[in-house]
């Protein structure tokens, strides 16, 4: 897995980029959505 995080100091938003094997992507996507994350693929 590769993780990249971008954020702006003092802001309430940021970007987290996760690069995972295709086989785990659906499970990870579902788990993140269940926890309120917005997913863009």
PDB file of N, CA and C in Angstrom:
ATOM      1  N   UNK A   1       0.850  -1.166   0.000  1.00  0.00           N
ATOM      2  CA  UNK A   1       0.000   0.000   0.000  1.00  0.00           C
ATOM      3  C   UNK A   1       0.893   1.226   0.000  1.00  0.00           C
ATOM      4  N   UNK A   2       0.463   2.232  -0.752  1.00  0.00           N
ATOM      5  CA  UNK A   2       1.130   3.527  -0.776  1.00  0.00           C
ATOM      6  C   UNK A   2       0.123   4.555  -0.293  1.00  0.00           C
ATOM      7  N   UNK A   3       0.559   5.450   0.603  1.00  0.00           N
ATOM      8  CA  UNK A   3      -0.320   6.476   1.160  1.00  0.00           C
ATOM      9  C   UNK A   3       0.306   7.842   0.907  1.00  0.00           C
ATOM     10  N   UNK A   4      -0.537   8.775   0.423  1.00  0.00           N
ATOM     11  CA  UNK A   4      -0.084  10.149   0.231  1.00  0.00           C
ATOM     12  C   UNK A   4      -1.144  11.064   0.838  1.00  0.00           C
ATOM     13  N   UNK A   5      -0.721  12.034   1.639  1.00  0.00           N
ATOM     14  CA  UNK A   5      -1.652  12.942   2.315  1.00  0.00           C
ATOM     15  C   UNK A   5      -1.282  14.382   1.958  1.00  0.00           C
ATOM     16  N   UNK A   6      -2.298  15.157   1.568  1.00  0.00           N
ATOM     17  CA  UNK A   6      -2.124  16.584   1.311  1.00  0.00           C
ATOM     18  C   UNK A   6      -3.115  17.336   2.180  1.00  0.00           C
ATOM     19  N   UNK A   7      -2.681  18.437   2.752  1.00  0.00           N
ATOM     20  CA  UNK A   7      -3.590  19.267   3.539  1.00  0.00           C
ATOM     21  C   UNK A   7      -3.085  20.698   3.539  1.00  0.00           C
ATOM     22  N   UNK A   8      -3.983  21.601   3.857  1.00  0.00           N
ATOM     23  CA  UNK A   8      -3.624  23.005   3.990  1.00  0.00           C
ATOM     24  C   UNK A   8      -3.798  23.378   5.459  1.00  0.00           C
ATOM     25  N   UNK A   9      -2.790  23.972   6.030  1.00  0.00           N
ATOM     26  CA  UNK A   9      -2.841  24.374   7.430  1.00  0.00           C
ATOM     27  C   UNK A   9      -4.036  25.288   7.669  1.00  0.00           C
ATOM     28  N   UNK A  10      -4.790  24.998   8.708  1.00  0.00           N
ATOM     29  CA  UNK A  10      -5.939  25.812   9.066  1.00  0.00           C
ATOM     30  C   UNK A  10      -7.209  25.472   8.309  1.00  0.00           C
ATOM     31  N   UNK A  11      -7.185  24.496   7.444  1.00  0.00           N
ATOM     32  CA  UNK A  11      -8.364  24.113   6.667  1.00  0.00           C
ATOM     33  C   UNK A  11      -9.001  22.861   7.256  1.00  0.00           C
ATOM     34  N   UNK A  12     -10.289  22.681   7.018  1.00  0.00           N
ATOM     35  CA  UNK A  12     -11.032  21.524   7.508  1.00  0.00           C
ATOM     36  C   UNK A  12     -11.056  20.391   6.490  1.00  0.00           C
ATOM     37  N   UNK A  13     -10.273  20.476   5.440  1.00  0.00           N
ATOM     38  CA  UNK A  13     -10.303  19.459   4.387  1.00  0.00           C
ATOM     39  C   UNK A  13      -8.883  19.093   3.975  1.00  0.00           C
ATOM     40  N   UNK A  14      -8.769  17.948   3.377  1.00  0.00           N
ATOM     41  CA  UNK A  14      -7.494  17.486   2.861  1.00  0.00           C
ATOM     42  C   UNK A  14      -7.734  16.377   1.857  1.00  0.00           C
ATOM     43  N   UNK A  15      -6.660  15.787   1.384  1.00  0.00           N
ATOM     44  CA  UNK A  15      -6.746  14.710   0.405  1.00  0.00           C
ATOM     45  C   UNK A  15      -5.846  13.573   0.866  1.00  0.00           C
ATOM     46  N   UNK A  16      -6.408  12.370   0.906  1.00  0.00           N
ATOM     47  CA  UNK A  16      -5.636  11.173   1.214  1.00  0.00           C
ATOM     48  C   UNK A  16      -5.711  10.282  -0.009  1.00  0.00           C
ATOM     49  N   UNK A  17      -4.574   9.902  -0.540  1.00  0.00           N
ATOM     50  CA  UNK A  17      -4.528   9.018  -1.701  1.00  0.00           C
ATOM     51  C   UNK A  17      -3.970   7.668  -1.252  1.00  0.00           C
ATOM     52  N   UNK A  18      -4.750   6.616  -1.464  1.00  0.00           N
ATOM     53  CA  UNK A  18      -4.344   5.257  -1.115  1.00  0.00           C
ATOM     54  C   UNK A  18      -4.199   4.455  -2.393  1.00  0.00           C
ATOM     55  N   UNK A  19      -3.072   3.832  -2.576  1.00  0.00           N
ATOM     56  CA  UNK A  19      -2.863   2.952  -3.721  1.00  0.00           C
ATOM     57  C   UNK A  19      -2.741   1.531  -3.183  1.00  0.00           C
ATOM     58  N   UNK A  20      -3.713   0.698  -3.545  1.00  0.00           N
ATOM     59  CA  UNK A  20      -3.776  -0.666  -3.031  1.00  0.00           C
ATOM     60  C   UNK A  20      -3.936  -1.644  -4.198  1.00  0.00           C
ATOM     61  N   UNK A  21      -3.748  -2.911  -3.897  1.00  0.00           N
ATOM     62  CA  UNK A  21      -3.970  -3.942  -4.907  1.00  0.00           C
ATOM     63  C   UNK A  21      -5.448  -3.957  -5.295  1.00  0.00           C
ATOM     64  N   UNK A  22      -5.751  -4.149  -6.567  1.00  0.00           N
ATOM     65  CA  UNK A  22      -7.145  -4.131  -7.026  1.00  0.00           C
ATOM     66  C   UNK A  22      -8.067  -5.079  -6.253  1.00  0.00           C
ATOM     67  N   UNK A  23      -7.555  -6.185  -5.791  1.00  0.00           N
ATOM     68  CA  UNK A  23      -8.400  -7.159  -5.099  1.00  0.00           C
ATOM     69  C   UNK A  23      -8.950  -6.627  -3.773  1.00  0.00           C
ATOM     70  N   UNK A  24      -8.242  -5.721  -3.115  1.00  0.00           N
ATOM     71  CA  UNK A  24      -8.708  -5.187  -1.827  1.00  0.00           C
ATOM     72  C   UNK A  24      -9.468  -3.874  -1.958  1.00  0.00           C
ATOM     73  N   UNK A  25      -9.433  -3.260  -3.134  1.00  0.00           N
ATOM     74  CA  UNK A  25     -10.062  -1.954  -3.327  1.00  0.00           C
ATOM     75  C   UNK A  25     -11.554  -1.941  -2.980  1.00  0.00           C
ATOM     76  N   UNK A  26     -12.364  -2.919  -3.426  1.00  0.00           N
ATOM     77  CA  UNK A  26     -13.795  -2.863  -3.094  1.00  0.00           C
ATOM     78  C   UNK A  26     -14.075  -2.931  -1.588  1.00  0.00           C
ATOM     79  N   UNK A  27     -13.345  -3.744  -0.882  1.00  0.00           N
ATOM     80  CA  UNK A  27     -13.552  -3.876   0.570  1.00  0.00           C
ATOM     81  C   UNK A  27     -13.123  -2.586   1.270  1.00  0.00           C
ATOM     82  N   UNK A  28     -11.989  -2.056   0.892  1.00  0.00           N
ATOM     83  CA  UNK A  28     -11.494  -0.815   1.496  1.00  0.00           C
ATOM     84  C   UNK A  28     -12.438   0.344   1.191  1.00  0.00           C
ATOM     85  N   UNK A  29     -12.900   0.435  -0.047  1.00  0.00           N
ATOM     86  CA  UNK A  29     -13.828   1.493  -0.441  1.00  0.00           C
ATOM     87  C   UNK A  29     -15.106   1.432   0.390  1.00  0.00           C
ATOM     88  N   UNK A  30     -15.675   0.251   0.533  1.00  0.00           N
ATOM     89  CA  UNK A  30     -16.905   0.089   1.320  1.00  0.00           C
ATOM     90  C   UNK A  30     -16.669   0.485   2.779  1.00  0.00           C
ATOM     91  N   UNK A  31     -15.566   0.064   3.354  1.00  0.00           N
ATOM     92  CA  UNK A  31     -15.276   0.378   4.760  1.00  0.00           C
ATOM     93  C   UNK A  31     -15.103   1.876   4.971  1.00  0.00           C
ATOM     94  N   UNK A  32     -14.431   2.547   4.056  1.00  0.00           N
ATOM     95  CA  UNK A  32     -14.237   3.992   4.182  1.00  0.00           C
ATOM     96  C   UNK A  32     -15.558   4.743   4.016  1.00  0.00           C
ATOM     97  N   UNK A  33     -16.377   4.322   3.051  1.00  0.00           N
ATOM     98  CA  UNK A  33     -17.680   4.972   2.858  1.00  0.00           C
ATOM     99  C   UNK A  33     -18.565   4.807   4.088  1.00  0.00           C
ATOM    100  N   UNK A  34     -18.538   3.633   4.704  1.00  0.00           N
ATOM    101  CA  UNK A  34     -19.324   3.389   5.914  1.00  0.00           C
ATOM    102  C   UNK A  34     -18.924   4.336   7.043  1.00  0.00           C
ATOM    103  N   UNK A  35     -17.698   4.806   6.991  1.00  0.00           N
ATOM    104  CA  UNK A  35     -17.184   5.695   8.042  1.00  0.00           C
ATOM    105  C   UNK A  35     -17.256   7.169   7.637  1.00  0.00           C
ATOM    106  N   UNK A  36     -17.950   7.441   6.520  1.00  0.00           N
ATOM    107  CA  UNK A  36     -18.188   8.829   6.148  1.00  0.00           C
ATOM    108  C   UNK A  36     -17.190   9.459   5.192  1.00  0.00           C
ATOM    109  N   UNK A  37     -16.241   8.687   4.685  1.00  0.00           N
ATOM    110  CA  UNK A  37     -15.258   9.232   3.750  1.00  0.00           C
ATOM    111  C   UNK A  37     -15.869   9.373   2.370  1.00  0.00           C
ATOM    112  N   UNK A  38     -15.516  10.434   1.657  1.00  0.00           N
ATOM    113  CA  UNK A  38     -15.905  10.610   0.263  1.00  0.00           C
ATOM    114  C   UNK A  38     -14.839   9.944  -0.595  1.00  0.00           C
ATOM    115  N   UNK A  39     -15.260   9.075  -1.497  1.00  0.00           N
ATOM    116  CA  UNK A  39     -14.336   8.281  -2.308  1.00  0.00           C
ATOM    117  C   UNK A  39     -14.396   8.741  -3.758  1.00  0.00           C
ATOM    118  N   UNK A  40     -13.240   8.959  -4.350  1.00  0.00           N
ATOM    119  CA  UNK A  40     -13.127   9.228  -5.791  1.00  0.00           C
ATOM    120  C   UNK A  40     -12.154   8.222  -6.372  1.00  0.00           C
ATOM    121  N   UNK A  41     -12.565   7.574  -7.445  1.00  0.00           N
ATOM    122  CA  UNK A  41     -11.685   6.574  -8.061  1.00  0.00           C
ATOM    123  C   UNK A  41     -11.319   6.985  -9.460  1.00  0.00           C
TER     124      UNK A  41
END
